[in-house]
């Protein structure tokens, strides 16, 4: 009878888990609370949003704790399972790419054709030029360039950490991750300072809406990637990763390189090209 329940394959059939339903309910509560809060419907809206956010954080911690146990202690992440996980991460990053395609589309659809004759509403907002009249854009060679150098440097440090792990250099792995996390946090601080000193806002103009959606969405990805790498740092200190099995860290590195590449496009298209267009007018 015991043999009837033995595992005779390389695949992982997951155990029943409460996290999908708990995460779904928490996300719903957070979304409802956020909508009520933004529209000032009820005074308790911030509490509803906060309760949902706590639920989402609790779900994330609990779910990923279970995944780590499956990988570290149960041995469920076989080579076959790892291949499936890699495909999943690739598809996830591809879906994130399409999000940014949408923001770039919105930006260039307006920036390249600010004076379309049939777009009466657009001309009223842009004045027929891009950036719109009265918009003072950022100097791309100041804070944006600094953040570009910070992210590019962080890409080298996470690569250093990855190669150190492959060579079983635990010290190099830890220091590479520490530097990457610090650089990611520094990028977020510089971007927050930049936003606080912007000469335009999100509301009431097309430039601000497209600028903050594109760069802010990327900033959110930097924050998520920094948390991702921080978890990897704690796991590295606990001795979880080995040269042959380190999917969690590998996926964090993939995600971080994706964030780097997207920023290069944002810097070139929105900061540099946008600044040049402004100067030309």
Foldseek 3Di string as FASTA:
>chain_A
DVVVPDDDDLADDDDDDPLVVLLVVLVVQLVVLVVCVVVVPDPCSVVSNVSSVVSNVVSVVVVVVVVLCCVFPVVNCDPVNLVVVVVVLVVVLVVVVVVLVVLVCLVCVCQVFQQPPVPVVSCVQQVRHPPRPPADADQLVPLVVVLLVLLVVLLVLLVQLLVCQLVVNLVSVLVSLVSNLVSLVVSLVSVVVVQVPGPDDCPDHSLRVSLCVNVVVLNVLSVVLSVLSVVVNVCSVVVSDHSVDDSSSVSSSVSSVSSSVSSVVCSVVPNVVSVVRVVVD
